[in-house]
């Protein structure tokens, strides 16, 4: 029998500013949307659009198709980023509403944010997620002793 004591500090809630920093630094996130009784999750390359400290939104590009249809049918979405280093792990979730935008000024401003989709398909449609709730957590990872 081993006395495996976990002496790591407890999981810590991230502040809203820490959450936004993690979102901005992440190279991709995931959008979850529900339509026709099903929930789908889509990876997206994104950027944080900051119109000021109280008006941060998430923008991404997409192609016409399933993702855009689902966001049009049911605008309530969840957006998530997560990550880890050798020392810690984190997860951030944004709950809010999604809407497509195509006004020239908005598109030009979004294009300046540098969203570069990884997928080869042309991504001509822009979507903005306006947050209703932002939360995140982080914890220290358990150190694993080297084998040998």
Protein backbone atom coordinates (compact mmCIF):
# COMPACT_ATOMS: atom_id res chain seq x y z
CA UNK A 1 0.00 0.00 0.00
CA UNK A 2 1.35 3.44 -0.89
CA UNK A 3 0.64 6.75 0.74
CA UNK A 4 0.38 8.73 -2.46
CA UNK A 5 -0.22 12.24 -1.14
CA UNK A 6 -1.02 14.85 -3.75
CA UNK A 7 0.53 18.03 -2.40
CA UNK A 8 -0.34 20.19 -5.40
CA UNK A 9 -2.40 23.32 -4.76
CA UNK A 10 -6.10 22.95 -5.59
CA UNK A 11 -7.53 23.87 -8.97
CA UNK A 12 -7.76 27.64 -9.30
CA UNK A 13 -10.39 29.67 -11.12
CA UNK A 14 -8.92 32.02 -13.68
CA UNK A 15 -9.89 35.68 -13.60
CA UNK A 16 -11.77 37.00 -16.60
CA UNK A 17 -8.65 38.84 -17.80
CA UNK A 18 -6.62 35.61 -17.48
CA UNK A 19 -9.29 33.79 -19.49
CA UNK A 20 -9.13 36.36 -22.29
CA UNK A 21 -5.35 36.21 -22.30
CA UNK A 22 -5.46 32.40 -22.73
CA UNK A 23 -8.04 32.73 -25.53
CA UNK A 24 -5.91 35.32 -27.33
CA UNK A 25 -2.75 33.20 -27.02
CA UNK A 26 -4.39 29.95 -28.21
CA UNK A 27 -3.76 29.03 -31.84
CA UNK A 28 -7.18 27.39 -32.16
CA UNK A 29 -10.35 26.74 -30.20
CA UNK A 30 -13.51 24.72 -30.50
CA UNK A 31 -17.06 25.91 -31.11
CA UNK A 32 -19.94 23.74 -29.88
CA UNK A 33 -23.37 24.36 -31.39
CA UNK A 34 -26.68 22.51 -31.28
CA UNK A 35 -29.11 22.02 -34.15
CA UNK A 36 -31.85 19.48 -34.83
CA UNK A 37 -31.31 17.83 -31.46
CA UNK A 38 -27.61 17.21 -32.05
CA UNK A 39 -24.52 18.95 -30.70
CA UNK A 40 -21.50 19.37 -32.96
CA UNK A 41 -18.02 20.60 -32.12
CA UNK A 42 -15.89 22.38 -34.71
CA UNK A 43 -12.23 23.40 -34.41
CA UNK A 44 -11.62 26.99 -35.53
CA UNK A 45 -8.73 29.41 -35.80
CA UNK A 46 -9.84 32.57 -34.06
CA UNK A 47 -8.88 35.97 -32.69
CA UNK A 48 -10.04 38.18 -29.86
CA UNK A 49 -11.58 41.42 -31.06
CA UNK A 50 -11.22 44.03 -28.33
CA UNK A 51 -13.39 47.08 -28.71
CA UNK A 52 -12.41 47.95 -25.15
CA UNK A 53 -12.13 46.07 -21.87
CA UNK A 54 -15.89 45.52 -21.68
CA UNK A 55 -16.49 44.57 -25.31
CA UNK A 56 -14.26 41.61 -26.12
CA UNK A 57 -15.59 39.14 -28.67
CA UNK A 58 -14.21 36.13 -30.53
CA UNK A 59 -14.12 36.12 -34.33
CA UNK A 60 -13.40 33.33 -36.78
CA UNK A 61 -13.74 32.55 -40.47
CA UNK A 62 -15.68 29.65 -41.91
CA UNK A 63 -17.04 28.24 -45.15
CA UNK A 64 -20.69 27.96 -46.07
CA UNK A 65 -21.90 24.61 -44.80
CA UNK A 66 -22.82 22.69 -41.66
CA UNK A 67 -21.09 24.91 -39.12
CA UNK A 68 -22.58 28.10 -40.52
CA UNK A 69 -26.03 26.53 -40.85
CA UNK A 70 -25.98 25.35 -37.24
CA UNK A 71 -24.88 28.77 -36.01
CA UNK A 72 -27.68 30.37 -38.03
CA UNK A 73 -30.34 27.97 -36.76
CA UNK A 74 -29.35 28.21 -33.11
CA UNK A 75 -27.12 31.10 -32.19
CA UNK A 76 -26.31 29.91 -28.65
CA UNK A 77 -22.79 28.44 -28.60
CA UNK A 78 -19.95 27.43 -26.35
CA UNK A 79 -16.35 28.16 -27.26
CA UNK A 80 -13.42 26.43 -25.57
CA UNK A 81 -9.65 26.62 -25.51
CA UNK A 82 -7.33 24.52 -23.42
CA UNK A 83 -3.66 23.86 -23.13
CA UNK A 84 -0.82 22.68 -20.99
CA UNK A 85 2.84 23.01 -20.24
CA UNK A 86 5.05 20.67 -18.24
CA UNK A 87 3.97 22.59 -15.15
CA UNK A 88 0.27 23.39 -15.58
CA UNK A 89 -2.93 22.77 -17.54
CA UNK A 90 -5.88 25.08 -18.18
CA UNK A 91 -9.31 25.23 -19.77
CA UNK A 92 -11.40 28.28 -20.68
CA UNK A 93 -15.06 28.18 -21.75
CA UNK A 94 -17.06 31.04 -23.25
CA UNK A 95 -20.85 30.76 -23.47
CA UNK A 96 -22.58 33.25 -25.70
CA UNK A 97 -24.24 33.97 -28.99
CA UNK A 98 -22.84 33.66 -32.49
CA UNK A 99 -23.77 35.72 -35.50
CA UNK A 100 -22.45 35.99 -39.00
CA UNK A 101 -21.28 39.45 -40.03
CA UNK A 102 -20.54 40.84 -43.46
CA UNK A 103 -20.53 44.62 -43.21
CA UNK A 104 -17.47 45.92 -44.98
CA UNK A 105 -16.10 47.87 -42.00
CA UNK A 106 -16.51 44.94 -39.62
CA UNK A 107 -14.90 42.50 -42.06
CA UNK A 108 -11.97 44.84 -42.70
CA UNK A 109 -11.41 45.25 -38.95
CA UNK A 110 -11.61 41.47 -38.42
CA UNK A 111 -9.16 40.79 -41.26
CA UNK A 112 -6.59 42.98 -39.48
CA UNK A 113 -6.70 40.58 -36.50
CA UNK A 114 -4.73 38.01 -38.50
CA UNK A 115 -7.06 35.00 -38.36
CA UNK A 116 -5.42 32.42 -40.61
CA UNK A 117 -7.40 29.19 -41.01
CA UNK A 118 -5.35 25.99 -41.09
CA UNK A 119 -7.77 24.11 -43.35
CA UNK A 120 -7.23 24.53 -47.11
CA UNK A 121 -10.86 25.36 -47.96
CA UNK A 122 -11.69 28.98 -48.65
CA UNK A 123 -13.16 30.61 -45.53
CA UNK A 124 -15.22 33.54 -46.79
CA UNK A 125 -17.74 33.94 -43.97
CA UNK A 126 -17.06 35.69 -40.66
CA UNK A 127 -18.68 34.80 -37.35
CA UNK A 128 -18.56 36.74 -34.07
CA UNK A 129 -19.19 35.18 -30.66
CA UNK A 130 -20.47 37.69 -28.12
CA UNK A 131 -19.88 36.29 -24.63
CA UNK A 132 -22.55 35.94 -21.99
CA UNK A 133 -20.26 34.07 -19.58
CA UNK A 134 -16.49 33.51 -19.47
CA UNK A 135 -14.88 31.06 -17.05
CA UNK A 136 -11.70 29.09 -16.76
CA UNK A 137 -9.57 27.06 -14.45
CA UNK A 138 -5.98 26.01 -14.09
CA UNK A 139 -4.11 23.46 -12.04
CA UNK A 140 -0.57 22.27 -11.59
CA UNK A 141 0.26 19.03 -13.33
CA UNK A 142 1.58 16.09 -11.37
CA UNK A 143 5.29 15.62 -11.85
CA UNK A 144 6.09 12.22 -13.19
CA UNK A 145 9.35 10.68 -12.08
CA UNK A 146 11.59 9.59 -14.96
CA UNK A 147 11.55 5.88 -15.68
CA UNK A 148 14.80 4.04 -15.33
